[in-house]
Protein backbone atom coordinates (compact mmCIF):
# COMPACT_ATOMS: atom_id res chain seq x y z
CA MET A 1 113.44 77.55 91.45
CA ARG A 2 114.23 79.93 94.32
CA LYS A 3 113.86 83.70 93.78
CA ILE A 4 113.91 86.48 95.99
CA ILE A 5 110.29 88.76 96.91
CA THR A 6 109.55 91.95 98.12
CA SER A 7 106.74 93.82 99.38
CA GLU A 8 107.21 97.30 101.66
CA SER A 9 104.64 99.09 104.27
CA VAL A 10 105.11 102.96 105.17
CA ASN A 11 103.51 104.23 108.69
CA ILE A 12 101.44 106.86 109.61
CA GLY A 13 103.56 109.39 109.17
CA HIS A 14 104.40 109.24 105.68
CA PRO A 15 102.39 112.17 103.89
CA ASP A 16 100.71 109.47 101.47
CA LYS A 17 99.44 107.78 104.52
CA THR A 18 98.78 110.66 106.77
CA CYS A 19 96.28 111.73 103.44
CA ASP A 20 94.69 107.95 103.95
CA TYR A 21 94.33 108.35 107.12
CA ILE A 22 92.00 112.06 107.31
CA SER A 23 90.59 110.88 104.33
CA ASP A 24 88.94 107.50 106.17
CA ALA A 25 88.58 110.20 109.64
CA PHE A 26 86.32 112.12 106.80
CA LEU A 27 84.48 109.31 105.77
CA ASP A 28 83.50 107.76 109.35
CA GLU A 29 82.58 111.05 110.47
CA ALA A 30 80.19 111.36 107.61
CA LEU A 31 78.75 107.28 108.25
CA GLU A 32 78.57 108.00 112.17
CA GLN A 33 76.15 110.63 111.62
CA ASP A 34 74.51 109.16 108.14
CA LYS A 35 74.65 105.67 106.81
CA ASP A 36 73.98 106.77 103.29
CA SER A 37 76.51 108.79 102.80
CA GLN A 38 78.12 109.35 99.46
CA MET A 39 81.79 110.37 100.31
CA ALA A 40 84.72 110.89 98.19
CA VAL A 41 86.94 114.03 100.02
CA GLU A 42 90.65 113.17 99.59
CA CYS A 43 93.13 115.14 100.86
CA ALA A 44 96.91 116.12 99.88
CA ILE A 45 99.89 117.56 101.86
CA LYS A 46 102.95 119.45 101.26
CA ASN A 47 105.17 121.43 104.24
CA ASP A 48 102.05 123.65 106.03
CA LYS A 49 99.65 123.19 103.92
CA LEU A 50 96.62 120.45 103.17
CA PHE A 51 94.34 120.61 101.00
CA ILE A 52 91.09 118.56 100.97
CA TYR A 53 88.80 118.06 98.45
CA GLY A 54 86.30 116.41 96.74
CA GLU A 55 82.24 115.43 96.79
CA ALA A 56 80.61 114.44 99.78
CA THR A 57 76.16 114.37 99.47
CA THR A 58 75.54 113.65 103.37
CA LYS A 59 73.56 114.93 105.80
CA ALA A 60 76.30 115.26 107.97
CA LYS A 61 78.42 117.86 109.57
CA ILE A 62 81.54 117.73 109.36
CA ASP A 63 84.17 119.68 110.70
CA TYR A 64 86.88 119.06 108.23
CA ASP A 65 89.43 121.42 109.58
CA ASN A 66 89.13 120.15 113.15
CA ILE A 67 89.44 116.45 112.10
CA ALA A 68 92.57 117.17 110.18
CA LYS A 69 94.04 119.28 112.80
CA THR A 70 93.77 116.94 115.64
CA ILE A 71 95.21 113.78 113.57
CA LEU A 72 98.19 115.98 112.40
CA LYS A 73 98.98 116.71 116.20
CA ASN A 74 98.84 113.38 117.05
CA ILE A 75 101.28 112.25 114.43
CA GLY A 76 104.08 114.41 116.03
CA TYR A 77 103.31 117.75 113.83
CA LYS A 78 103.91 120.93 116.07
CA ASN A 79 103.55 123.49 113.56
CA ASP A 80 100.11 125.35 112.31
CA PHE A 81 98.49 124.03 109.02
CA LYS A 82 96.65 125.74 106.70
CA ILE A 83 93.65 124.01 105.45
CA ILE A 84 92.73 124.77 101.83
CA LYS A 85 89.09 123.16 100.83
CA GLU A 86 87.29 122.36 97.87
CA ILE A 87 83.92 120.14 98.18
CA SER A 88 81.02 120.23 96.32
CA ASN A 89 78.40 117.34 96.08
CA GLN A 90 78.40 114.24 94.50
CA SER A 91 77.60 114.63 90.79
CA PRO A 92 73.44 113.91 89.99
CA ASP A 93 74.54 112.26 87.17
CA ILE A 94 76.21 109.68 89.21
CA ASN A 95 73.78 109.67 91.90
CA GLN A 96 70.56 108.87 89.46
CA ALA A 97 72.59 105.52 88.28
CA VAL A 98 73.71 104.75 91.44
CA VAL A 99 70.44 105.09 93.50
CA LYS A 100 67.34 103.36 91.91
CA ASN A 101 65.59 100.64 93.44
CA GLU A 102 68.45 98.33 93.51
CA LEU A 103 72.07 100.06 94.55
CA CYS A 104 74.21 100.23 91.57
CA ALA A 105 77.86 100.97 91.35
CA ASN A 106 78.95 103.98 91.63
CA ASP A 107 81.62 103.69 88.86
CA GLN A 108 83.27 100.66 86.67
CA GLY A 109 86.20 99.22 87.88
CA MET A 110 87.88 95.93 88.19
CA VAL A 111 88.98 94.79 91.58
CA TYR A 112 90.88 92.13 92.75
CA GLY A 113 91.32 89.81 95.73
CA TYR A 114 94.39 87.14 97.04
CA ALA A 115 94.76 84.89 99.75
CA THR A 116 97.71 81.99 100.14
CA ASN A 117 98.07 79.48 102.87
CA GLU A 118 101.49 80.45 103.43
CA THR A 119 100.78 82.48 106.84
CA LYS A 120 98.30 82.40 109.10
CA GLU A 121 96.80 85.95 108.07
CA TYR A 122 96.47 84.01 104.32
CA MET A 123 98.99 86.92 102.93
CA PRO A 124 101.98 86.78 101.31
CA LEU A 125 104.59 86.79 104.09
CA PRO A 126 106.65 89.74 102.69
CA ILE A 127 103.66 91.82 103.10
CA VAL A 128 102.57 90.65 106.53
CA LEU A 129 105.93 91.18 107.42
CA ALA A 130 106.25 95.01 106.36
CA HIS A 131 102.74 95.59 108.59
CA LYS A 132 104.08 94.12 111.42
CA LEU A 133 107.43 96.20 111.50
CA MET A 134 105.50 99.46 111.62
CA MET A 135 102.93 98.10 113.74
CA GLN A 136 106.02 97.56 116.61
CA TYR A 137 107.90 100.98 115.40
CA GLU A 138 104.55 102.94 116.29
CA LYS A 139 104.44 101.26 119.80
CA PHE A 140 107.93 102.06 119.85
CA ARG A 141 107.91 105.65 119.13
CA LYS A 142 105.04 106.88 120.69
CA ASN A 143 107.20 105.61 123.78
CA ASN A 144 110.25 107.33 122.64
CA GLU A 145 110.50 111.20 121.75
CA GLU A 146 113.72 110.75 119.94
CA PHE A 147 111.67 109.38 117.05
CA PHE A 148 109.09 110.56 114.62
CA ALA A 149 106.26 108.97 112.76
CA ASP A 150 107.50 109.19 109.19
CA ALA A 151 108.96 105.32 108.94
CA LYS A 152 109.36 102.39 106.21
CA SER A 153 110.08 99.19 105.99
CA GLN A 154 110.91 96.83 103.46
CA VAL A 155 110.95 92.73 104.06
CA SER A 156 112.70 90.41 101.36
CA VAL A 157 111.86 86.42 101.87
CA CYS A 158 113.82 83.99 99.54
CA TYR A 159 110.81 81.36 98.04
CA ASP A 160 112.03 78.34 96.60
CA GLU A 161 109.07 75.64 94.78
CA LYS A 162 106.72 78.52 95.91
CA LYS A 163 107.12 78.29 99.86
CA PRO A 164 108.81 80.73 101.90
CA ILE A 165 112.19 79.30 103.39
CA TYR A 166 113.96 82.58 105.16
CA ILE A 167 114.47 86.24 105.44
CA ASP A 168 116.41 87.84 103.22
CA THR A 169 117.01 91.32 104.28
CA ILE A 170 114.73 93.41 106.21
CA LEU A 171 115.27 97.13 105.74
CA ILE A 172 113.69 99.88 108.12
CA SER A 173 113.90 103.73 107.78
CA VAL A 174 112.99 105.72 110.42
CA SER A 175 112.70 109.53 111.28
CA HIS A 176 114.65 110.70 114.13
CA SER A 177 115.55 113.61 116.37
CA GLU A 178 118.84 115.58 116.20
CA LYS A 179 120.16 114.17 119.40
CA ILE A 180 120.36 110.66 118.70
CA SER A 181 123.05 108.88 116.90
CA ILE A 182 123.28 106.34 113.63
CA GLU A 183 124.71 103.83 116.13
CA GLU A 184 121.85 104.27 118.62
CA ILE A 185 118.86 104.26 116.01
CA LYS A 186 120.26 101.19 114.56
CA LYS A 187 120.86 100.04 118.18
CA GLN A 188 117.05 100.82 119.07
CA ILE A 189 115.48 99.45 116.51
CA ILE A 190 117.06 96.19 116.09
CA GLU A 191 116.38 95.41 119.66
CA ASN A 192 112.82 97.26 119.43
CA VAL A 193 111.31 96.50 116.69
CA ILE A 194 113.01 94.08 114.07
CA ASN A 195 113.42 91.50 117.42
CA ASN A 196 110.89 91.62 118.81
CA VAL A 197 108.70 90.80 115.64
CA LEU A 198 111.53 88.24 114.36
CA LEU A 199 110.29 86.26 118.10
CA SER A 200 107.43 84.75 115.83
CA TYR A 201 109.31 83.88 112.69
CA LYS A 202 112.68 82.30 114.17
CA ASP A 203 112.24 79.41 111.56
CA LEU A 204 113.06 82.21 108.80
CA VAL A 205 116.04 83.60 110.13
CA ASN A 206 119.42 82.38 109.86
CA ASP A 207 123.22 83.64 108.76
CA LYS A 208 122.14 84.93 105.62
CA THR A 209 119.52 87.11 106.76
CA LYS A 210 120.48 90.66 106.59
CA PHE A 211 119.47 94.16 108.70
CA ILE A 212 119.25 97.15 107.22
CA VAL A 213 118.43 100.03 109.49
CA ASN A 214 118.82 103.90 107.65
CA PRO A 215 120.75 103.48 105.06
CA SER A 216 120.42 107.04 104.70
CA GLY A 217 121.93 107.82 107.61
CA LYS A 218 120.21 110.90 108.41
CA PHE A 219 116.12 111.74 108.49
CA THR A 220 115.19 114.52 110.51
CA ILE A 221 113.10 116.06 108.07
CA TRP A 222 110.39 114.05 108.11
CA GLY A 223 106.64 114.25 107.17
CA SER A 224 105.17 116.91 105.01
CA PHE A 225 108.52 118.71 104.75
CA SER A 226 110.68 115.76 103.29
CA ASP A 227 108.00 114.93 101.10
CA SER A 228 104.54 115.42 99.77
CA GLY A 229 101.55 113.30 99.84
CA CYS A 230 98.26 112.30 98.51
CA VAL A 231 95.29 109.86 98.76
CA GLY A 232 96.06 106.40 97.08
CA ARG A 233 99.48 106.29 96.68
CA LYS A 234 100.11 103.62 98.64
CA ILE A 235 97.74 101.07 96.85
CA VAL A 236 100.55 98.17 96.71
CA VAL A 237 101.13 98.31 100.12
CA ASP A 238 97.77 98.49 101.08
CA THR A 239 96.75 95.31 99.61
CA TYR A 240 99.33 92.31 98.32
CA GLY A 241 102.54 93.92 98.65
CA GLY A 242 103.01 93.20 94.80
CA ILE A 243 102.53 89.51 94.97
CA GLY A 244 98.41 89.91 93.70
CA ARG A 245 97.29 91.69 91.03
CA VAL A 246 95.92 95.38 92.04
CA GLY A 247 93.01 97.12 90.44
CA GLY A 248 92.56 100.24 88.99
CA GLY A 249 91.35 102.47 92.20
CA CYS A 250 92.24 103.07 95.53
CA PHE A 251 90.82 102.57 98.39
CA SER A 252 90.75 105.63 100.82
CA SER A 253 87.96 108.24 101.14
CA LYS A 254 85.65 106.28 99.34
CA ASN A 255 82.05 104.52 101.20
CA ALA A 256 80.82 101.56 100.20
CA THR A 257 78.98 102.29 96.82
CA LYS A 258 82.00 102.89 95.13
CA ILE A 259 83.33 99.30 94.30
CA ASP A 260 87.04 100.19 94.18
CA ARG A 261 86.76 99.82 97.71
CA SER A 262 84.27 97.32 98.79
CA GLY A 263 84.50 95.19 95.22
CA ALA A 264 87.92 94.69 96.41
CA TYR A 265 86.82 93.82 99.76
CA TYR A 266 84.32 91.15 98.50
CA ALA A 267 86.99 89.80 96.35
CA ARG A 268 89.29 89.28 98.86
CA TYR A 269 87.20 87.96 101.03
CA VAL A 270 85.83 84.88 98.73
CA ALA A 271 89.85 84.20 97.79
CA LYS A 272 90.06 83.64 101.45
CA ASN A 273 87.62 81.35 101.91
CA ILE A 274 88.43 79.46 99.12
CA VAL A 275 92.02 78.71 100.91
CA ALA A 276 90.85 78.82 104.11
CA ASN A 277 88.13 76.25 103.23
CA GLY A 278 90.97 73.68 101.95
CA PHE A 279 89.99 73.75 98.05
CA ALA A 280 93.28 75.69 97.00
CA ASP A 281 96.33 76.77 98.22
CA LYS A 282 96.19 80.05 96.49
CA CYS A 283 93.45 81.76 94.88
CA GLU A 284 92.93 84.91 92.99
CA ILE A 285 89.11 86.60 92.60
CA GLN A 286 89.05 89.77 89.61
CA ILE A 287 85.52 90.82 89.24
CA SER A 288 84.38 94.13 86.89
CA TYR A 289 81.40 96.37 87.58
CA ALA A 290 79.87 99.01 85.68
CA ILE A 291 78.34 102.02 86.66
CA GLY A 292 74.39 101.97 87.31
CA ILE A 293 74.79 98.39 87.07
CA ALA A 294 74.09 96.41 90.22
CA LYS A 295 75.40 92.67 89.41
CA PRO A 296 79.22 91.88 88.24
CA ILE A 297 79.65 92.34 84.43
CA SER A 298 82.74 89.72 84.61
CA PHE A 299 84.19 87.23 86.81
CA TYR A 300 87.12 85.18 86.90
CA VAL A 301 89.63 82.84 89.30
CA ASP A 302 92.81 81.45 89.14
CA CYS A 303 94.22 79.53 91.79
CA PHE A 304 97.61 79.07 90.16
CA ASN A 305 97.50 75.29 89.45
CA THR A 306 97.51 74.92 93.49
CA ASN A 307 93.53 73.57 93.64
CA HIS A 308 92.72 70.59 95.35
CA ILE A 309 89.67 70.02 93.62
CA GLU A 310 88.31 70.75 89.80
CA MET A 311 88.48 74.27 89.00
CA THR A 312 84.28 73.62 87.83
CA LYS A 313 83.72 72.62 91.25
CA ILE A 314 85.42 75.93 92.75
CA LEU A 315 83.10 78.12 90.52
CA ASP A 316 80.35 76.11 91.74
CA ILE A 317 81.12 76.57 95.23
CA ILE A 318 81.20 80.10 94.54
CA ASN A 319 78.19 80.49 92.64
CA LYS A 320 76.49 79.04 95.91
CA ASN A 321 78.44 80.86 98.27
CA PHE A 322 78.77 84.20 97.28
CA ASP A 323 76.26 87.19 95.73
CA PHE A 324 78.35 89.64 94.10
CA SER A 325 75.85 92.25 93.73
CA LEU A 326 76.82 95.87 95.27
CA SER A 327 73.95 95.58 97.99
CA ASN A 328 74.48 92.03 98.97
CA ILE A 329 78.42 93.15 99.58
CA ILE A 330 77.49 95.82 101.90
CA ASN A 331 74.98 94.38 103.30
CA GLU A 332 76.97 91.16 104.20
CA LEU A 333 80.04 92.82 105.11
CA ASP A 334 78.58 95.50 107.08
CA LEU A 335 80.06 97.99 104.88
CA LEU A 336 77.74 101.05 106.24
CA LYS A 337 79.54 101.40 109.98
CA PRO A 338 82.31 104.29 110.85
CA ILE A 339 84.97 101.54 110.32
CA TYR A 340 87.73 102.39 107.63
CA LYS A 341 89.69 105.01 109.82
CA LYS A 342 90.92 101.57 111.10
CA THR A 343 92.01 100.47 107.47
CA ALA A 344 94.00 103.19 106.38
CA CYS A 345 97.58 102.16 107.51
CA TYR A 346 99.30 98.88 108.02
CA GLY A 347 97.10 97.50 105.04
CA HIS A 348 93.50 96.65 104.57
CA PHE A 349 93.77 92.54 104.51
CA GLY A 350 95.11 90.09 106.70
CA ARG A 351 93.43 91.84 109.70
CA ASP A 352 91.02 89.46 111.31
CA GLU A 353 89.10 92.84 112.79
CA PHE A 354 87.59 93.32 109.39
CA SER A 355 84.68 91.51 108.11
CA TRP A 356 85.97 90.50 105.09
CA GLU A 357 88.42 88.49 106.69
CA ARG A 358 85.72 86.19 108.12
CA ILE A 359 85.99 82.62 107.28
CA LYS A 360 82.93 80.59 106.47
CA ASN A 361 82.35 77.02 106.06
CA LEU A 362 81.81 76.39 102.15
CA THR A 363 79.45 73.68 101.01
């Protein structure tokens, strides 16, 4: 049976992603100075106002205003922003539940990790393509003053028997100056963005493949002056594009004791290794945690009947090779380093630069 599956990505100038990026920049600055920082400082943006709010228990001295203003300028904003801050220490009730003889989860939460062998990234093809289009657009617009940082992509892929057989539709909307015509926008985006990405996917393009560029016809008002934004509103973009399940919380702004983030990274790590070692074509892991408890309170694995060995053996392999306690997750994945700003755009998974994408031999 054939079906079409669609995923989307957004560029750094989209106001939600701008907020994710700024929040993770705060986290990186805190970890650079104090690896034990407990951070959950978020932001929201609208017009020329940036709201910075949340909790921070850290020895670091963080210049929130300067970090935010530098990022906004680099994204392409020409105006000054009014910054409004409301930041307090982490609740001592939470802190005493987390910092014990063994590090414990900062909150309750259920997280998912997913992997499939349909791409070399062990990710679903639609989200891989959507992110690559936005990465290529970012490179293109940096060298073309007629195009701005706010952009979105959407990719629809036709599947047959659970395998991708062709790309059905590529949709891109990009912000731009008044000086450029819609015809020129379409020409530039197809030539410099879409065609560049599709060089590696020629066998998935056919006469059915459709290209749609800026269907609104005009996108000159962009970013916070076109839309509002806040942290964590693009969790499907951040994960598996709607194919794998997602957990109950977002990632950006949170340090590693927040299990919404570190637990999701470890779940992906386990799922990817099950698939990469050839035990299954697809794998999804669910883990749940409770505040003040170090180890998971539940665990579930589903290989969607694609497993090549018995599920009991897969469970044995997982139990033998992986430790889901919070302290081990942080140590094994090396999560106390200032690595998070890089995760904020173009997906948290499927990128080899991150430790949770590492493949190890399982026995």
